Protein backbone atom coordinates (compact mmCIF):
# COMPACT_ATOMS: atom_id res chain seq x y z
CA UNK A 1 0.00 0.00 0.00
CA UNK A 2 2.80 2.33 0.93
CA UNK A 3 4.67 1.55 -2.30
CA UNK A 4 1.54 2.29 -4.32
CA UNK A 5 1.18 5.66 -2.61
CA UNK A 6 4.82 6.50 -3.29
CA UNK A 7 4.37 5.62 -6.95
CA UNK A 8 1.28 7.85 -7.21
CA UNK A 9 3.15 10.71 -5.51
CA UNK A 10 6.08 10.28 -7.88
CA UNK A 11 3.81 10.15 -10.93
CA UNK A 12 1.87 13.23 -9.78
CA UNK A 13 5.12 15.15 -9.31
CA UNK A 14 6.44 14.13 -12.74
CA UNK A 15 3.18 15.20 -14.39
CA UNK A 16 3.38 18.52 -12.58
CA UNK A 17 6.91 19.04 -13.91
CA UNK A 18 5.59 18.35 -17.42
CA UNK A 19 3.08 21.15 -17.00
CA UNK A 20 -0.12 19.17 -16.45
CA UNK A 21 -2.81 20.89 -14.39
CA UNK A 22 -4.15 19.48 -11.12
CA UNK A 23 -7.38 18.52 -12.91
CA UNK A 24 -5.40 16.53 -15.50
CA UNK A 25 -3.25 14.87 -12.82
CA UNK A 26 -6.31 13.95 -10.78
CA UNK A 27 -8.07 12.54 -13.83
CA UNK A 28 -5.05 10.40 -14.72
CA UNK A 29 -4.72 9.02 -11.16
CA UNK A 30 -8.43 8.72 -10.51
CA UNK A 31 -8.47 11.20 -7.63
CA UNK A 32 -9.99 14.62 -7.01
CA UNK A 33 -8.17 17.91 -7.57
CA UNK A 34 -7.40 18.42 -3.87
CA UNK A 35 -5.95 14.91 -3.55
CA UNK A 36 -3.77 15.54 -6.59
CA UNK A 37 -2.47 18.69 -4.88
CA UNK A 38 -1.63 16.68 -1.76
CA UNK A 39 0.25 14.06 -3.80
CA UNK A 40 2.38 16.70 -5.50
CA UNK A 41 3.22 18.39 -2.21
CA UNK A 42 3.98 15.05 -0.51
CA UNK A 43 6.46 14.14 -3.25
CA UNK A 44 8.22 17.48 -3.53
CA UNK A 45 7.36 19.54 -0.49
CA UNK A 46 6.33 22.31 -2.88
CA UNK A 47 3.04 23.58 -4.22
CA UNK A 48 2.19 23.53 -7.94
CA UNK A 49 2.61 27.32 -8.08
CA UNK A 50 6.06 27.13 -6.46
CA UNK A 51 7.14 24.42 -8.92
CA UNK A 52 6.03 26.33 -12.01
CA UNK A 53 7.66 29.52 -10.76
CA UNK A 54 10.89 27.64 -10.11
CA UNK A 55 10.78 26.44 -13.72
CA UNK A 56 10.23 30.02 -14.89
CA UNK A 57 7.16 29.18 -16.99
CA UNK A 58 3.53 30.36 -17.03
CA UNK A 59 1.37 28.62 -14.41
CA UNK A 60 -0.92 25.98 -15.91
CA UNK A 61 1.00 25.69 -19.19
CA UNK A 62 2.20 22.32 -20.37
CA UNK A 63 5.90 21.93 -21.06
CA UNK A 64 6.54 22.39 -24.78
CA UNK A 65 9.87 21.45 -26.45
CA UNK A 66 9.94 24.75 -28.35
CA UNK A 67 8.41 27.12 -25.81
CA UNK A 68 10.58 25.81 -22.97
CA UNK A 69 13.77 26.22 -25.03
CA UNK A 70 14.76 29.91 -25.34
CA UNK A 71 17.07 29.23 -28.30
CA UNK A 72 14.41 27.38 -30.32
CA UNK A 73 11.70 29.88 -29.45
CA UNK A 74 14.00 32.78 -30.32
CA UNK A 75 14.75 31.22 -33.71
CA UNK A 76 11.04 30.82 -34.45
CA UNK A 77 10.29 34.42 -33.47
CA UNK A 78 13.19 35.69 -35.60
CA UNK A 79 12.33 33.76 -38.77
CA UNK A 80 8.52 33.41 -38.88
CA UNK A 81 6.64 35.52 -41.43
CA UNK A 82 3.26 35.62 -39.67
CA UNK A 83 1.61 35.08 -36.30
CA UNK A 84 -0.21 32.04 -37.68
CA UNK A 85 3.16 30.50 -38.58
CA UNK A 86 4.43 31.12 -35.04
CA UNK A 87 1.33 29.52 -33.51
CA UNK A 88 1.52 26.51 -35.86
CA UNK A 89 5.23 25.95 -35.24
CA UNK A 90 5.01 26.26 -31.47
CA UNK A 91 1.77 24.32 -31.18
CA UNK A 92 0.37 26.85 -28.73
CA UNK A 93 -1.86 29.91 -28.71
CA UNK A 94 -0.47 33.36 -29.43
CA UNK A 95 -1.13 34.43 -25.84
CA UNK A 96 0.79 31.45 -24.44
CA UNK A 97 3.68 32.05 -26.84
CA UNK A 98 3.80 35.66 -25.64
CA UNK A 99 3.93 34.53 -21.99
CA UNK A 100 6.75 32.08 -22.66
CA UNK A 101 8.65 34.70 -24.66
CA UNK A 102 8.37 37.09 -21.72
CA UNK A 103 9.72 34.37 -19.40
CA UNK A 104 12.81 34.06 -21.64
CA UNK A 105 13.26 37.83 -22.09
CA UNK A 106 12.01 37.69 -25.69
CA UNK A 107 9.30 39.59 -27.56
CA UNK A 108 6.89 38.69 -30.33
CA UNK A 109 7.72 40.47 -33.61
CA UNK A 110 5.52 43.43 -34.52
CA UNK A 111 3.22 43.43 -37.55
CA UNK A 112 5.65 45.78 -39.30
CA UNK A 113 8.57 43.39 -38.71
CA UNK A 114 6.57 40.44 -40.05
CA UNK A 115 5.53 42.46 -43.12
CA UNK A 116 9.16 43.39 -43.79
CA UNK A 117 10.16 39.71 -43.63
CA UNK A 118 7.41 38.83 -46.13
CA UNK A 119 8.67 41.64 -48.35
CA UNK A 120 12.22 40.27 -48.48
CA UNK A 121 10.86 36.75 -48.95
CA UNK A 122 9.48 37.85 -52.34
CA UNK A 123 12.86 39.00 -53.65
CA UNK A 124 15.12 36.71 -55.67
CA UNK A 125 18.55 37.95 -54.63
CA UNK A 126 21.56 37.11 -56.76
CA UNK A 127 24.88 35.88 -55.34
CA UNK A 128 26.46 38.78 -57.19
CA UNK A 129 25.46 42.01 -55.39
CA UNK A 130 25.82 43.91 -58.67
CA UNK A 131 23.08 41.88 -60.41
CA UNK A 132 19.39 42.74 -60.35
CA UNK A 133 17.30 41.60 -57.40
CA UNK A 134 14.06 40.50 -59.05
CA UNK A 135 10.69 40.93 -57.38
CA UNK A 136 8.74 37.64 -57.50
CA UNK A 137 5.51 38.90 -55.92
CA UNK A 138 2.55 40.73 -57.53
CA UNK A 139 3.40 43.11 -60.38
CA UNK A 140 1.56 45.94 -62.11
CA UNK A 141 2.03 48.10 -65.18
CA UNK A 142 5.19 47.24 -67.09
CA UNK A 143 6.36 44.73 -64.46
CA UNK A 144 6.89 46.90 -61.38
CA UNK A 145 6.79 45.08 -58.05
CA UNK A 146 3.69 45.74 -55.95
CA UNK A 147 3.41 45.44 -52.17
CA UNK A 148 1.44 46.93 -49.29
CA UNK A 149 3.83 49.34 -47.64
CA UNK A 150 3.86 48.77 -43.85
CA UNK A 151 5.66 52.12 -43.45
CA UNK A 152 2.82 54.23 -44.89
CA UNK A 153 0.19 51.43 -44.67
CA UNK A 154 -0.60 51.95 -48.35
CA UNK A 155 0.16 49.82 -51.43
CA UNK A 156 3.22 50.98 -53.33
CA UNK A 157 5.90 49.96 -55.81
CA UNK A 158 8.37 47.47 -54.34
CA UNK A 159 11.42 49.48 -55.46
CA UNK A 160 10.06 52.56 -53.67
CA UNK A 161 9.66 50.53 -50.47
CA UNK A 162 13.23 49.23 -50.80
CA UNK A 163 14.55 52.78 -51.20
CA UNK A 164 12.72 53.81 -48.01
CA UNK A 165 14.16 50.84 -46.11
CA UNK A 166 17.71 51.78 -47.08
CA UNK A 167 17.57 55.58 -47.22
CA UNK A 168 14.50 56.72 -45.30
CA UNK A 169 11.40 58.65 -46.38
CA UNK A 170 11.09 59.74 -50.02
CA UNK A 171 11.03 63.55 -50.28
CA UNK A 172 7.76 64.98 -51.52
CA UNK A 173 7.61 65.27 -55.31
CA UNK A 174 10.56 62.94 -55.86
CA UNK A 175 10.58 59.69 -57.85
CA UNK A 176 12.63 56.51 -57.54
CA UNK A 177 14.24 55.62 -60.86
CA UNK A 178 16.19 52.60 -62.13
CA UNK A 179 19.77 52.63 -63.40
CA UNK A 180 19.27 49.13 -64.82
CA UNK A 181 16.01 49.89 -66.69
CA UNK A 182 14.47 46.76 -65.13
CA UNK A 183 11.07 47.54 -63.53
CA UNK A 184 11.11 44.35 -61.43
CA UNK A 185 14.52 45.11 -59.89
CA UNK A 186 14.68 46.20 -56.24
CA UNK A 187 18.46 46.13 -55.75
CA UNK A 188 19.28 49.27 -53.70
CA UNK A 189 22.37 49.82 -55.89
CA UNK A 190 20.21 49.98 -59.02
CA UNK A 191 17.72 52.64 -57.90
CA UNK A 192 18.22 56.35 -57.30
CA UNK A 193 16.28 59.43 -56.23
CA UNK A 194 15.09 61.61 -59.10
CA UNK A 195 12.22 63.76 -60.26
CA UNK A 196 9.94 64.03 -63.29
CA UNK A 197 12.68 65.75 -65.28
CA UNK A 198 15.40 63.20 -64.61
CA UNK A 199 12.92 60.39 -65.23
CA UNK A 200 11.90 61.92 -68.58
CA UNK A 201 15.53 62.34 -69.66
CA UNK A 202 16.24 58.78 -68.56
CA UNK A 203 13.32 57.47 -70.62
CA UNK A 204 14.43 59.54 -73.60
CA UNK A 205 18.01 58.27 -73.43
CA UNK A 206 16.69 54.71 -73.59
CA UNK A 207 14.31 55.38 -76.45
CA UNK A 208 11.14 55.15 -74.38
CA UNK A 209 9.52 58.54 -74.99
CA UNK A 210 5.77 58.80 -74.57
CA UNK A 211 3.16 59.17 -71.88
CA UNK A 212 4.27 58.59 -68.34
CA UNK A 213 1.40 56.14 -67.81
CA UNK A 214 1.16 53.32 -70.32
CA UNK A 215 -2.16 51.91 -71.51
CA UNK A 216 -1.62 48.79 -69.38
CA UNK A 217 -1.01 50.96 -66.31
CA UNK A 218 -4.19 52.93 -67.03
CA UNK A 219 -6.18 49.68 -67.26
CA UNK A 220 -4.67 48.48 -63.99
CA UNK A 221 -5.53 51.78 -62.29
CA UNK A 222 -9.17 51.44 -63.37
CA UNK A 223 -9.28 47.84 -62.19
CA UNK A 224 -7.86 48.76 -58.77
CA UNK A 225 -10.51 51.46 -58.41
CA UNK A 226 -13.56 49.57 -59.68
CA UNK A 227 -12.82 45.98 -58.64
CA UNK A 228 -10.74 46.36 -55.49
CA UNK A 229 -12.09 49.67 -54.23
CA UNK A 230 -8.78 51.46 -53.82
CA UNK A 231 -8.98 55.19 -53.21
CA UNK A 232 -7.52 57.60 -55.77
CA UNK A 233 -5.08 58.80 -53.10
CA UNK A 234 -3.74 55.28 -52.52
CA UNK A 235 -3.37 54.66 -56.27
CA UNK A 236 -1.66 58.02 -56.75
CA UNK A 237 0.81 57.21 -53.98
CA UNK A 238 1.53 53.79 -55.47
CA UNK A 239 2.18 55.16 -58.96
CA UNK A 240 3.90 58.35 -57.85
CA UNK A 241 1.27 60.52 -59.55
CA UNK A 242 -1.12 63.23 -58.46
CA UNK A 243 -4.67 62.37 -57.45
CA UNK A 244 -5.90 64.60 -60.28
CA UNK A 245 -4.01 62.54 -62.88
CA UNK A 246 -5.43 59.32 -61.46
CA UNK A 247 -8.99 60.71 -61.51
CA UNK A 248 -8.52 61.71 -65.16
CA UNK A 249 -7.50 58.14 -66.02
CA UNK A 250 -10.41 56.62 -64.10
CA UNK A 251 -12.92 58.99 -65.74
CA UNK A 252 -11.44 58.30 -69.22
CA UNK A 253 -10.48 61.93 -69.64
CA UNK A 254 -7.04 60.58 -70.48
CA UNK A 255 -5.95 57.23 -71.91
CA UNK A 256 -9.34 56.86 -73.59
CA UNK A 257 -8.27 54.21 -76.11
CA UNK A 258 -5.52 51.67 -76.51
CA UNK A 259 -2.64 52.92 -78.72
CA UNK A 260 -3.54 50.52 -81.54
CA UNK A 261 -7.20 51.62 -81.66
CA UNK A 262 -8.56 54.61 -83.57
């Protein structure tokens, strides 16, 4: 009888160390919650609260191989691209992950940090830093990368976002131009700060004179407005144009017909 009691006390203590609650321990041993508490204290001389505090983990949380390891948890928090990915990897709720992170002196990444990671995840970087870094995500117009800017919380060209990451805010009225003449490129070494004049001269030197907005860009602007409900201000910011120019395109006051139609 005494040996059986010792075994139950030992099992209750081991389950407590694994993070099981008193209800779970009692259910496994076929005893009530209060009896489970007595078994744990008899085996260790400590209460459940004292044991969990000694282990530096949230009370009532089951031991998790990732959450209980600060190195593994830190790696997950540093590399995950979304909160859902963190929850799925850790096998625990977001609130519990936050509590464990606090125990280890860590913090959950902010929404802006996760968005920046997703941004870089859509860039095909070359081993040669002088080559183009191609945007593999959504594209608009003539192939310009498209992404929701977590800095301004508005959709924008990917190369404009990259310039802001490296150099800071874009001055009002300025444009981000390409040295490489590759719209999908976001390599910081291939983009520079310019204005309408420098952009026009750049286009002229490469034999691309014509309207600043192509017919395909005009069609995309109308689609964003009618099908996705974007505001003219958001579209203007994304294309680096004035709201008036965007409204003219949407109302067919400009770009009325495709170039090959009469």
